Amino acid sequence: MDQQLEVIMPLIIYGGDAKSSAMEAIQFAKKGEWEEADRKLKEAKDSLIQAHHSQTELLTNEARGETTTLSLLMVHAQDHLMTSITFVDLATEIIELYRSRVP
């Protein structure tokens, strides 16, 4: 399980970082601070890339025949990542809506 934690925890950590950065990006956009909004949105997307590296490692190991034990922590990590991906996608759209409303 220790080896699995090394792969699972980045999913949770980077997923959480992505969601937090996306929320901050929305807050900056709300105030019309576009450079900061764009910077935070990039941070969010960079965090998702890091999380995907861990997920890819899990998938690669599975493809090699190294089964992964299904645990509540694994389910939580995958759920956390998928929620974060959706949140970043929505944040991108919300920011574009704010930007399009600026005269």
PDB file of N, CA and C in Angstrom:
ATOM      1  N   MET A   1       0.828  -1.200   0.000  1.00  0.00           N
ATOM      2  CA  MET A   1       0.000   0.000   0.000  1.00  0.00           C
ATOM      3  C   MET A   1       0.869   1.259   0.000  1.00  0.00           C
ATOM      4  N   ASP A   2       2.051   1.196   0.624  1.00  0.00           N
ATOM      5  CA  ASP A   2       2.930   2.374   0.654  1.00  0.00           C
ATOM      6  C   ASP A   2       3.299   2.831  -0.750  1.00  0.00           C
ATOM      7  N   GLN A   3       3.584   1.875  -1.627  1.00  0.00           N
ATOM      8  CA  GLN A   3       3.929   2.222  -3.001  1.00  0.00           C
ATOM      9  C   GLN A   3       2.722   2.836  -3.711  1.00  0.00           C
ATOM     10  N   GLN A   4       1.532   2.320  -3.437  1.00  0.00           N
ATOM     11  CA  GLN A   4       0.326   2.893  -4.028  1.00  0.00           C
ATOM     12  C   GLN A   4       0.093   4.312  -3.532  1.00  0.00           C
ATOM     13  N   LEU A   5       0.388   4.567  -2.269  1.00  0.00           N
ATOM     14  CA  LEU A   5       0.204   5.915  -1.724  1.00  0.00           C
ATOM     15  C   LEU A   5       1.048   6.937  -2.468  1.00  0.00           C
ATOM     16  N   GLU A   6       2.224   6.514  -2.918  1.00  0.00           N
ATOM     17  CA  GLU A   6       3.097   7.415  -3.668  1.00  0.00           C
ATOM     18  C   GLU A   6       2.468   7.845  -4.986  1.00  0.00           C
ATOM     19  N   VAL A   7       1.556   7.030  -5.499  1.00  0.00           N
ATOM     20  CA  VAL A   7       0.877   7.361  -6.745  1.00  0.00           C
ATOM     21  C   VAL A   7      -0.483   8.000  -6.470  1.00  0.00           C
ATOM     22  N   ILE A   8      -1.155   7.547  -5.430  1.00  0.00           N
ATOM     23  CA  ILE A   8      -2.496   8.046  -5.108  1.00  0.00           C
ATOM     24  C   ILE A   8      -2.449   9.478  -4.562  1.00  0.00           C
ATOM     25  N   MET A   9      -1.546   9.758  -3.672  1.00  0.00           N
ATOM     26  CA  MET A   9      -1.530  11.071  -3.017  1.00  0.00           C
ATOM     27  C   MET A   9      -1.339  12.237  -3.997  1.00  0.00           C
ATOM     28  N   PRO A  10      -0.488  12.105  -5.021  1.00  0.00           N
ATOM     29  CA  PRO A  10      -0.405  13.216  -5.979  1.00  0.00           C
ATOM     30  C   PRO A  10      -1.727  13.485  -6.696  1.00  0.00           C
ATOM     31  N   LEU A  11      -2.540  12.451  -6.915  1.00  0.00           N
ATOM     32  CA  LEU A  11      -3.853  12.676  -7.519  1.00  0.00           C
ATOM     33  C   LEU A  11      -4.677  13.603  -6.639  1.00  0.00           C
ATOM     34  N   ILE A  12      -4.643  13.344  -5.354  1.00  0.00           N
ATOM     35  CA  ILE A  12      -5.410  14.145  -4.407  1.00  0.00           C
ATOM     36  C   ILE A  12      -4.809  15.544  -4.263  1.00  0.00           C
ATOM     37  N   ILE A  13      -3.509  15.593  -4.081  1.00  0.00           N
ATOM     38  CA  ILE A  13      -2.836  16.877  -3.846  1.00  0.00           C
ATOM     39  C   ILE A  13      -2.944  17.793  -5.063  1.00  0.00           C
ATOM     40  N   TYR A  14      -2.533  17.284  -6.230  1.00  0.00           N
ATOM     41  CA  TYR A  14      -2.559  18.133  -7.423  1.00  0.00           C
ATOM     42  C   TYR A  14      -3.990  18.437  -7.861  1.00  0.00           C
ATOM     43  N   GLY A  15      -4.902  17.494  -7.655  1.00  0.00           N
ATOM     44  CA  GLY A  15      -6.308  17.766  -7.947  1.00  0.00           C
ATOM     45  C   GLY A  15      -6.832  18.898  -7.085  1.00  0.00           C
ATOM     46  N   GLY A  16      -6.502  18.866  -5.809  1.00  0.00           N
ATOM     47  CA  GLY A  16      -6.910  19.937  -4.893  1.00  0.00           C
ATOM     48  C   GLY A  16      -6.283  21.268  -5.253  1.00  0.00           C
ATOM     49  N   ASP A  17      -5.004  21.225  -5.618  1.00  0.00           N
ATOM     50  CA  ASP A  17      -4.326  22.456  -6.041  1.00  0.00           C
ATOM     51  C   ASP A  17      -4.997  23.051  -7.279  1.00  0.00           C
ATOM     52  N   ALA A  18      -5.365  22.186  -8.221  1.00  0.00           N
ATOM     53  CA  ALA A  18      -6.001  22.653  -9.453  1.00  0.00           C
ATOM     54  C   ALA A  18      -7.328  23.331  -9.144  1.00  0.00           C
ATOM     55  N   LYS A  19      -8.122  22.710  -8.302  1.00  0.00           N
ATOM     56  CA  LYS A  19      -9.425  23.276  -7.966  1.00  0.00           C
ATOM     57  C   LYS A  19      -9.261  24.614  -7.243  1.00  0.00           C
ATOM     58  N   SER A  20      -8.338  24.689  -6.304  1.00  0.00           N
ATOM     59  CA  SER A  20      -8.106  25.938  -5.567  1.00  0.00           C
ATOM     60  C   SER A  20      -7.640  27.061  -6.499  1.00  0.00           C
ATOM     61  N   SER A  21      -6.711  26.743  -7.377  1.00  0.00           N
ATOM     62  CA  SER A  21      -6.213  27.756  -8.310  1.00  0.00           C
ATOM     63  C   SER A  21      -7.317  28.214  -9.257  1.00  0.00           C
ATOM     64  N   ALA A  22      -8.170  27.288  -9.690  1.00  0.00           N
ATOM     65  CA  ALA A  22      -9.277  27.652 -10.572  1.00  0.00           C
ATOM     66  C   ALA A  22     -10.260  28.576  -9.857  1.00  0.00           C
ATOM     67  N   MET A  23     -10.521  28.302  -8.597  1.00  0.00           N
ATOM     68  CA  MET A  23     -11.418  29.166  -7.824  1.00  0.00           C
ATOM     69  C   MET A  23     -10.813  30.557  -7.675  1.00  0.00           C
ATOM     70  N   GLU A  24      -9.531  30.622  -7.414  1.00  0.00           N
ATOM     71  CA  GLU A  24      -8.862  31.918  -7.324  1.00  0.00           C
ATOM     72  C   GLU A  24      -8.923  32.652  -8.664  1.00  0.00           C
ATOM     73  N   ALA A  25      -8.781  31.920  -9.749  1.00  0.00           N
ATOM     74  CA  ALA A  25      -8.847  32.528 -11.081  1.00  0.00           C
ATOM     75  C   ALA A  25     -10.209  33.175 -11.309  1.00  0.00           C
ATOM     76  N   ILE A  26     -11.269  32.487 -10.890  1.00  0.00           N
ATOM     77  CA  ILE A  26     -12.613  33.046 -11.021  1.00  0.00           C
ATOM     78  C   ILE A  26     -12.732  34.331 -10.206  1.00  0.00           C
ATOM     79  N   GLN A  27     -12.200  34.324  -9.005  1.00  0.00           N
ATOM     80  CA  GLN A  27     -12.282  35.514  -8.152  1.00  0.00           C
ATOM     81  C   GLN A  27     -11.543  36.692  -8.777  1.00  0.00           C
ATOM     82  N   PHE A  28     -10.393  36.433  -9.376  1.00  0.00           N
ATOM     83  CA  PHE A  28      -9.659  37.509 -10.063  1.00  0.00           C
ATOM     84  C   PHE A  28     -10.451  38.015 -11.262  1.00  0.00           C
ATOM     85  N   ALA A  29     -11.045  37.107 -12.008  1.00  0.00           N
ATOM     86  CA  ALA A  29     -11.838  37.506 -13.176  1.00  0.00           C
ATOM     87  C   ALA A  29     -13.031  38.358 -12.758  1.00  0.00           C
ATOM     88  N   LYS A  30     -13.622  38.012 -11.639  1.00  0.00           N
ATOM     89  CA  LYS A  30     -14.774  38.763 -11.135  1.00  0.00           C
ATOM     90  C   LYS A  30     -14.409  40.226 -10.902  1.00  0.00           C
ATOM     91  N   LYS A  31     -13.149  40.461 -10.513  1.00  0.00           N
ATOM     92  CA  LYS A  31     -12.672  41.818 -10.254  1.00  0.00           C
ATOM     93  C   LYS A  31     -12.035  42.456 -11.495  1.00  0.00           C
ATOM     94  N   GLY A  32     -12.036  41.714 -12.603  1.00  0.00           N
ATOM     95  CA  GLY A  32     -11.446  42.240 -13.833  1.00  0.00           C
ATOM     96  C   GLY A  32      -9.928  42.209 -13.849  1.00  0.00           C
ATOM     97  N   GLU A  33      -9.336  41.414 -12.980  1.00  0.00           N
ATOM     98  CA  GLU A  33      -7.878  41.290 -12.920  1.00  0.00           C
ATOM     99  C   GLU A  33      -7.459  40.124 -13.821  1.00  0.00           C
ATOM    100  N   TRP A  34      -7.408  40.407 -15.128  1.00  0.00           N
ATOM    101  CA  TRP A  34      -7.269  39.367 -16.139  1.00  0.00           C
ATOM    102  C   TRP A  34      -5.923  38.671 -16.119  1.00  0.00           C
ATOM    103  N   GLU A  35      -4.850  39.412 -15.899  1.00  0.00           N
ATOM    104  CA  GLU A  35      -3.527  38.765 -15.873  1.00  0.00           C
ATOM    105  C   GLU A  35      -3.442  37.764 -14.729  1.00  0.00           C
ATOM    106  N   GLU A  36      -3.956  38.154 -13.562  1.00  0.00           N
ATOM    107  CA  GLU A  36      -3.940  37.244 -12.411  1.00  0.00           C
ATOM    108  C   GLU A  36      -4.863  36.051 -12.651  1.00  0.00           C
ATOM    109  N   ALA A  37      -6.027  36.316 -13.244  1.00  0.00           N
ATOM    110  CA  ALA A  37      -6.966  35.229 -13.557  1.00  0.00           C
ATOM    111  C   ALA A  37      -6.320  34.228 -14.508  1.00  0.00           C
ATOM    112  N   ASP A  38      -5.663  34.730 -15.536  1.00  0.00           N
ATOM    113  CA  ASP A  38      -5.002  33.847 -16.503  1.00  0.00           C
ATOM    114  C   ASP A  38      -3.853  33.075 -15.856  1.00  0.00           C
ATOM    115  N   ARG A  39      -3.115  33.744 -14.984  1.00  0.00           N
ATOM    116  CA  ARG A  39      -1.993  33.083 -14.295  1.00  0.00           C
ATOM    117  C   ARG A  39      -2.498  31.939 -13.418  1.00  0.00           C
ATOM    118  N   LYS A  40      -3.581  32.196 -12.669  1.00  0.00           N
ATOM    119  CA  LYS A  40      -4.123  31.169 -11.782  1.00  0.00           C
ATOM    120  C   LYS A  40      -4.742  30.016 -12.571  1.00  0.00           C
ATOM    121  N   LEU A  41      -5.360  30.343 -13.693  1.00  0.00           N
ATOM    122  CA  LEU A  41      -5.934  29.298 -14.536  1.00  0.00           C
ATOM    123  C   LEU A  41      -4.823  28.417 -15.124  1.00  0.00           C
ATOM    124  N   LYS A  42      -3.702  29.038 -15.486  1.00  0.00           N
ATOM    125  CA  LYS A  42      -2.561  28.253 -15.973  1.00  0.00           C
ATOM    126  C   LYS A  42      -2.025  27.356 -14.858  1.00  0.00           C
ATOM    127  N   GLU A  43      -1.937  27.895 -13.651  1.00  0.00           N
ATOM    128  CA  GLU A  43      -1.504  27.073 -12.509  1.00  0.00           C
ATOM    129  C   GLU A  43      -2.427  25.872 -12.321  1.00  0.00           C
ATOM    130  N   ALA A  44      -3.723  26.111 -12.457  1.00  0.00           N
ATOM    131  CA  ALA A  44      -4.706  25.028 -12.309  1.00  0.00           C
ATOM    132  C   ALA A  44      -4.462  23.946 -13.358  1.00  0.00           C
ATOM    133  N   LYS A  45      -4.264  24.371 -14.583  1.00  0.00           N
ATOM    134  CA  LYS A  45      -4.046  23.405 -15.662  1.00  0.00           C
ATOM    135  C   LYS A  45      -2.719  22.673 -15.497  1.00  0.00           C
ATOM    136  N   ASP A  46      -1.697  23.365 -15.014  1.00  0.00           N
ATOM    137  CA  ASP A  46      -0.407  22.719 -14.744  1.00  0.00           C
ATOM    138  C   ASP A  46      -0.542  21.672 -13.643  1.00  0.00           C
ATOM    139  N   SER A  47      -1.342  21.959 -12.633  1.00  0.00           N
ATOM    140  CA  SER A  47      -1.574  20.986 -11.557  1.00  0.00           C
ATOM    141  C   SER A  47      -2.289  19.752 -12.093  1.00  0.00           C
ATOM    142  N   LEU A  48      -3.236  19.954 -12.997  1.00  0.00           N
ATOM    143  CA  LEU A  48      -3.924  18.807 -13.597  1.00  0.00           C
ATOM    144  C   LEU A  48      -2.957  17.939 -14.388  1.00  0.00           C
ATOM    145  N   ILE A  49      -2.022  18.564 -15.058  1.00  0.00           N
ATOM    146  CA  ILE A  49      -1.009  17.796 -15.807  1.00  0.00           C
ATOM    147  C   ILE A  49      -0.216  16.921 -14.847  1.00  0.00           C
ATOM    148  N   GLN A  50       0.176  17.490 -13.711  1.00  0.00           N
ATOM    149  CA  GLN A  50       0.919  16.713 -12.716  1.00  0.00           C
ATOM    150  C   GLN A  50       0.076  15.544 -12.203  1.00  0.00           C
ATOM    151  N   ALA A  51      -1.191  15.788 -11.949  1.00  0.00           N
ATOM    152  CA  ALA A  51      -2.079  14.717 -11.483  1.00  0.00           C
ATOM    153  C   ALA A  51      -2.209  13.631 -12.549  1.00  0.00           C
ATOM    154  N   HIS A  52      -2.288  14.049 -13.806  1.00  0.00           N
ATOM    155  CA  HIS A  52      -2.406  13.077 -14.895  1.00  0.00           C
ATOM    156  C   HIS A  52      -1.177  12.188 -14.989  1.00  0.00           C
ATOM    157  N   HIS A  53      -0.010  12.709 -14.642  1.00  0.00           N
ATOM    158  CA  HIS A  53       1.195  11.889 -14.647  1.00  0.00           C
ATOM    159  C   HIS A  53       1.035  10.713 -13.684  1.00  0.00           C
ATOM    160  N   SER A  54       0.485  10.981 -12.513  1.00  0.00           N
ATOM    161  CA  SER A  54       0.261   9.903 -11.543  1.00  0.00           C
ATOM    162  C   SER A  54      -0.789   8.929 -12.047  1.00  0.00           C
ATOM    163  N   GLN A  55      -1.838   9.458 -12.628  1.00  0.00           N
ATOM    164  CA  GLN A  55      -2.892   8.580 -13.151  1.00  0.00           C
ATOM    165  C   GLN A  55      -2.341   7.714 -14.288  1.00  0.00           C
ATOM    166  N   THR A  56      -1.517   8.293 -15.137  1.00  0.00           N
ATOM    167  CA  THR A  56      -0.904   7.538 -16.234  1.00  0.00           C
ATOM    168  C   THR A  56      -0.020   6.420 -15.693  1.00  0.00           C
ATOM    169  N   GLU A  57       0.671   6.705 -14.606  1.00  0.00           N
ATOM    170  CA  GLU A  57       1.501   5.665 -13.985  1.00  0.00           C
ATOM    171  C   GLU A  57       0.636   4.487 -13.528  1.00  0.00           C
ATOM    172  N   LEU A  58      -0.490   4.791 -12.925  1.00  0.00           N
ATOM    173  CA  LEU A  58      -1.411   3.731 -12.506  1.00  0.00           C
ATOM    174  C   LEU A  58      -1.906   2.925 -13.702  1.00  0.00           C
ATOM    175  N   LEU A  59      -2.294   3.616 -14.761  1.00  0.00           N
ATOM    176  CA  LEU A  59      -2.799   2.937 -15.951  1.00  0.00           C
ATOM    177  C   LEU A  59      -1.721   2.104 -16.629  1.00  0.00           C
ATOM    178  N   THR A  60      -0.512   2.631 -16.679  1.00  0.00           N
ATOM    179  CA  THR A  60       0.604   1.899 -17.280  1.00  0.00           C
ATOM    180  C   THR A  60       0.897   0.632 -16.494  1.00  0.00           C
ATOM    181  N   ASN A  61       0.921   0.752 -15.179  1.00  0.00           N
ATOM    182  CA  ASN A  61       1.159  -0.426 -14.342  1.00  0.00           C
ATOM    183  C   ASN A  61       0.083  -1.475 -14.547  1.00  0.00           C
ATOM    184  N   GLU A  62      -1.163  -1.017 -14.644  1.00  0.00           N
ATOM    185  CA  GLU A  62      -2.287  -1.941 -14.873  1.00  0.00           C
ATOM    186  C   GLU A  62      -2.126  -2.645 -16.222  1.00  0.00           C
ATOM    187  N   ALA A  63      -1.708  -1.910 -17.243  1.00  0.00           N
ATOM    188  CA  ALA A  63      -1.520  -2.490 -18.571  1.00  0.00           C
ATOM    189  C   ALA A  63      -0.400  -3.528 -18.570  1.00  0.00           C
ATOM    190  N   ARG A  64       0.560  -3.372 -17.670  1.00  0.00           N
ATOM    191  CA  ARG A  64       1.661  -4.338 -17.540  1.00  0.00           C
ATOM    192  C   ARG A  64       1.262  -5.568 -16.739  1.00  0.00           C
ATOM    193  N   GLY A  65       0.033  -5.559 -16.245  1.00  0.00           N
ATOM    194  CA  GLY A  65      -0.426  -6.699 -15.460  1.00  0.00           C
ATOM    195  C   GLY A  65      -0.241  -6.536 -13.962  1.00  0.00           C
ATOM    196  N   GLU A  66       0.218  -5.366 -13.553  1.00  0.00           N
ATOM    197  CA  GLU A  66       0.383  -5.087 -12.126  1.00  0.00           C
ATOM    198  C   GLU A  66      -0.940  -4.512 -11.610  1.00  0.00           C
ATOM    199  N   THR A  67      -1.741  -5.368 -11.021  1.00  0.00           N
ATOM    200  CA  THR A  67      -3.052  -4.916 -10.582  1.00  0.00           C
ATOM    201  C   THR A  67      -2.934  -3.955  -9.407  1.00  0.00           C
ATOM    202  N   THR A  68      -3.844  -3.024  -9.378  1.00  0.00           N
ATOM    203  CA  THR A  68      -3.915  -2.042  -8.308  1.00  0.00           C
ATOM    204  C   THR A  68      -5.042  -2.443  -7.374  1.00  0.00           C
ATOM    205  N   THR A  69      -4.740  -2.494  -6.107  1.00  0.00           N
ATOM    206  CA  THR A  69      -5.760  -2.822  -5.128  1.00  0.00           C
ATOM    207  C   THR A  69      -6.741  -1.665  -5.032  1.00  0.00           C
ATOM    208  N   LEU A  70      -8.005  -1.997  -5.196  1.00  0.00           N
ATOM    209  CA  LEU A  70      -9.033  -0.978  -5.088  1.00  0.00           C
ATOM    210  C   LEU A  70      -9.276  -0.675  -3.614  1.00  0.00           C
ATOM    211  N   SER A  71      -9.095   0.575  -3.263  1.00  0.00           N
ATOM    212  CA  SER A  71      -9.304   0.995  -1.881  1.00  0.00           C
ATOM    213  C   SER A  71     -10.167   2.246  -1.878  1.00  0.00           C
ATOM    214  N   LEU A  72     -10.697   2.574  -0.735  1.00  0.00           N
ATOM    215  CA  LEU A  72     -11.483   3.796  -0.611  1.00  0.00           C
ATOM    216  C   LEU A  72     -10.621   5.007  -0.950  1.00  0.00           C
ATOM    217  N   LEU A  73      -9.368   4.969  -0.583  1.00  0.00           N
ATOM    218  CA  LEU A  73      -8.455   6.074  -0.892  1.00  0.00           C
ATOM    219  C   LEU A  73      -8.270   6.220  -2.405  1.00  0.00           C
ATOM    220  N   MET A  74      -8.174   5.109  -3.107  1.00  0.00           N
ATOM    221  CA  MET A  74      -8.035   5.145  -4.566  1.00  0.00           C
ATOM    222  C   MET A  74      -9.299   5.732  -5.198  1.00  0.00           C
ATOM    223  N   VAL A  75     -10.456   5.290  -4.736  1.00  0.00           N
ATOM    224  CA  VAL A  75     -11.719   5.817  -5.257  1.00  0.00           C
ATOM    225  C   VAL A  75     -11.803   7.313  -4.988  1.00  0.00           C
ATOM    226  N   HIS A  76     -11.435   7.718  -3.796  1.00  0.00           N
ATOM    227  CA  HIS A  76     -11.462   9.146  -3.439  1.00  0.00           C
ATOM    228  C   HIS A  76     -10.521   9.941  -4.349  1.00  0.00           C
ATOM    229  N   ALA A  77      -9.337   9.419  -4.587  1.00  0.00           N
ATOM    230  CA  ALA A  77      -8.355  10.120  -5.420  1.00  0.00           C
ATOM    231  C   ALA A  77      -8.875  10.302  -6.840  1.00  0.00           C
ATOM    232  N   GLN A  78      -9.442   9.267  -7.408  1.00  0.00           N
ATOM    233  CA  GLN A  78      -9.969   9.356  -8.769  1.00  0.00           C
ATOM    234  C   GLN A  78     -11.157  10.318  -8.828  1.00  0.00           C
ATOM    235  N   ASP A  79     -12.024  10.240  -7.833  1.00  0.00           N
ATOM    236  CA  ASP A  79     -13.173  11.144  -7.777  1.00  0.00           C
ATOM    237  C   ASP A  79     -12.708  12.592  -7.631  1.00  0.00           C
ATOM    238  N   HIS A  80     -11.728  12.797  -6.786  1.00  0.00           N
ATOM    239  CA  HIS A  80     -11.182  14.135  -6.555  1.00  0.00           C
ATOM    240  C   HIS A  80     -10.605  14.705  -7.855  1.00  0.00           C
ATOM    241  N   LEU A  81      -9.881  13.879  -8.585  1.00  0.00           N
ATOM    242  CA  LEU A  81      -9.283  14.330  -9.839  1.00  0.00           C
ATOM    243  C   LEU A  81     -10.357  14.666 -10.868  1.00  0.00           C
ATOM    244  N   MET A  82     -11.344  13.807 -11.024  1.00  0.00           N
ATOM    245  CA  MET A  82     -12.394  14.057 -12.015  1.00  0.00           C
ATOM    246  C   MET A  82     -13.188  15.324 -11.676  1.00  0.00           C
ATOM    247  N   THR A  83     -13.458  15.539 -10.401  1.00  0.00           N
ATOM    248  CA  THR A  83     -14.155  16.751  -9.980  1.00  0.00           C
ATOM    249  C   THR A  83     -13.309  17.980 -10.293  1.00  0.00           C
ATOM    250  N   SER A  84     -12.022  17.877 -10.061  1.00  0.00           N
ATOM    251  CA  SER A  84     -11.120  19.009 -10.325  1.00  0.00           C
ATOM    252  C   SER A  84     -11.037  19.324 -11.810  1.00  0.00           C
ATOM    253  N   ILE A  85     -11.008  18.293 -12.637  1.00  0.00           N
ATOM    254  CA  ILE A  85     -10.970  18.508 -14.084  1.00  0.00           C
ATOM    255  C   ILE A  85     -12.226  19.269 -14.521  1.00  0.00           C
ATOM    256  N   THR A  86     -13.362  18.821 -14.031  1.00  0.00           N
ATOM    257  CA  THR A  86     -14.622  19.477 -14.368  1.00  0.00           C
ATOM    258  C   THR A  86     -14.628  20.920 -13.875  1.00  0.00           C
ATOM    259  N   PHE A  87     -14.130  21.129 -12.664  1.00  0.00           N
ATOM    260  CA  PHE A  87     -14.112  22.470 -12.089  1.00  0.00           C
ATOM    261  C   PHE A  87     -13.232  23.410 -12.906  1.00  0.00           C
ATOM    262  N   VAL A  88     -12.071  22.945 -13.327  1.00  0.00           N
ATOM    263  CA  VAL A  88     -11.171  23.786 -14.132  1.00  0.00           C
ATOM    264  C   VAL A  88     -11.818  24.099 -15.479  1.00  0.00           C
ATOM    265  N   ASP A  89     -12.481  23.124 -16.081  1.00  0.00           N
ATOM    266  CA  ASP A  89     -13.179  23.372 -17.346  1.00  0.00           C
ATOM    267  C   ASP A  89     -14.255  24.439 -17.170  1.00  0.00           C
ATOM    268  N   LEU A  90     -15.033  24.319 -16.110  1.00  0.00           N
ATOM    269  CA  LEU A  90     -16.075  25.310 -15.851  1.00  0.00           C
ATOM    270  C   LEU A  90     -15.489  26.681 -15.530  1.00  0.00           C
ATOM    271  N   ALA A  91     -14.408  26.709 -14.775  1.00  0.00           N
ATOM    272  CA  ALA A  91     -13.753  27.984 -14.451  1.00  0.00           C
ATOM    273  C   ALA A  91     -13.292  28.679 -15.722  1.00  0.00           C
ATOM    274  N   THR A  92     -12.772  27.919 -16.655  1.00  0.00           N
ATOM    275  CA  THR A  92     -12.338  28.489 -17.933  1.00  0.00           C
ATOM    276  C   THR A  92     -13.507  29.171 -18.635  1.00  0.00           C
ATOM    277  N   GLU A  93     -14.635  28.511 -18.649  1.00  0.00           N
ATOM    278  CA  GLU A  93     -15.825  29.080 -19.283  1.00  0.00           C
ATOM    279  C   GLU A  93     -16.342  30.310 -18.530  1.00  0.00           C
ATOM    280  N   ILE A  94     -16.362  30.241 -17.212  1.00  0.00           N
ATOM    281  CA  ILE A  94     -16.834  31.371 -16.397  1.00  0.00           C
ATOM    282  C   ILE A  94     -15.955  32.595 -16.623  1.00  0.00           C
ATOM    283  N   ILE A  95     -14.650  32.383 -16.668  1.00  0.00           N
ATOM    284  CA  ILE A  95     -13.722  33.491 -16.888  1.00  0.00           C
ATOM    285  C   ILE A  95     -13.960  34.107 -18.263  1.00  0.00           C
ATOM    286  N   GLU A  96     -14.184  33.276 -19.267  1.00  0.00           N
ATOM    287  CA  GLU A  96     -14.459  33.812 -20.595  1.00  0.00           C
ATOM    288  C   GLU A  96     -15.758  34.592 -20.622  1.00  0.00           C
ATOM    289  N   LEU A  97     -16.747  34.145 -19.857  1.00  0.00           N
ATOM    290  CA  LEU A  97     -17.996  34.905 -19.759  1.00  0.00           C
ATOM    291  C   LEU A  97     -17.763  36.276 -19.120  1.00  0.00           C
ATOM    292  N   TYR A  98     -17.011  36.289 -18.018  1.00  0.00           N
ATOM    293  CA  TYR A  98     -16.686  37.572 -17.397  1.00  0.00           C
ATOM    294  C   TYR A  98     -15.943  38.470 -18.382  1.00  0.00           C
ATOM    295  N   ARG A  99     -14.982  37.906 -19.087  1.00  0.00           N
ATOM    296  CA  ARG A  99     -14.167  38.685 -20.010  1.00  0.00           C
ATOM    297  C   ARG A  99     -15.021  39.250 -21.154  1.00  0.00           C
ATOM    298  N   SER A 100     -15.994  38.489 -21.612  1.00  0.00           N
ATOM    299  CA  SER A 100     -16.828  38.948 -22.726  1.00  0.00           C
ATOM    300  C   SER A 100     -17.804  40.054 -22.319  1.00  0.00           C
ATOM    301  N   ARG A 101     -17.997  40.205 -21.015  1.00  0.00           N
ATOM    302  CA  ARG A 101     -18.931  41.222 -20.515  1.00  0.00           C
ATOM    303  C   ARG A 101     -18.247  42.572 -20.306  1.00  0.00           C
ATOM    304  N   VAL A 102     -16.934  42.604 -20.442  1.00  0.00           N
ATOM    305  CA  VAL A 102     -16.190  43.849 -20.233  1.00  0.00           C
ATOM    306  C   VAL A 102     -16.345  44.708 -21.477  1.00  0.00           C
ATOM    307  N   PRO A 103     -16.729  45.979 -21.264  1.00  0.00           N
ATOM    308  CA  PRO A 103     -16.908  46.873 -22.427  1.00  0.00           C
ATOM    309  C   PRO A 103     -15.605  47.206 -23.116  1.00  0.00           C
TER     310      PRO A 103
END
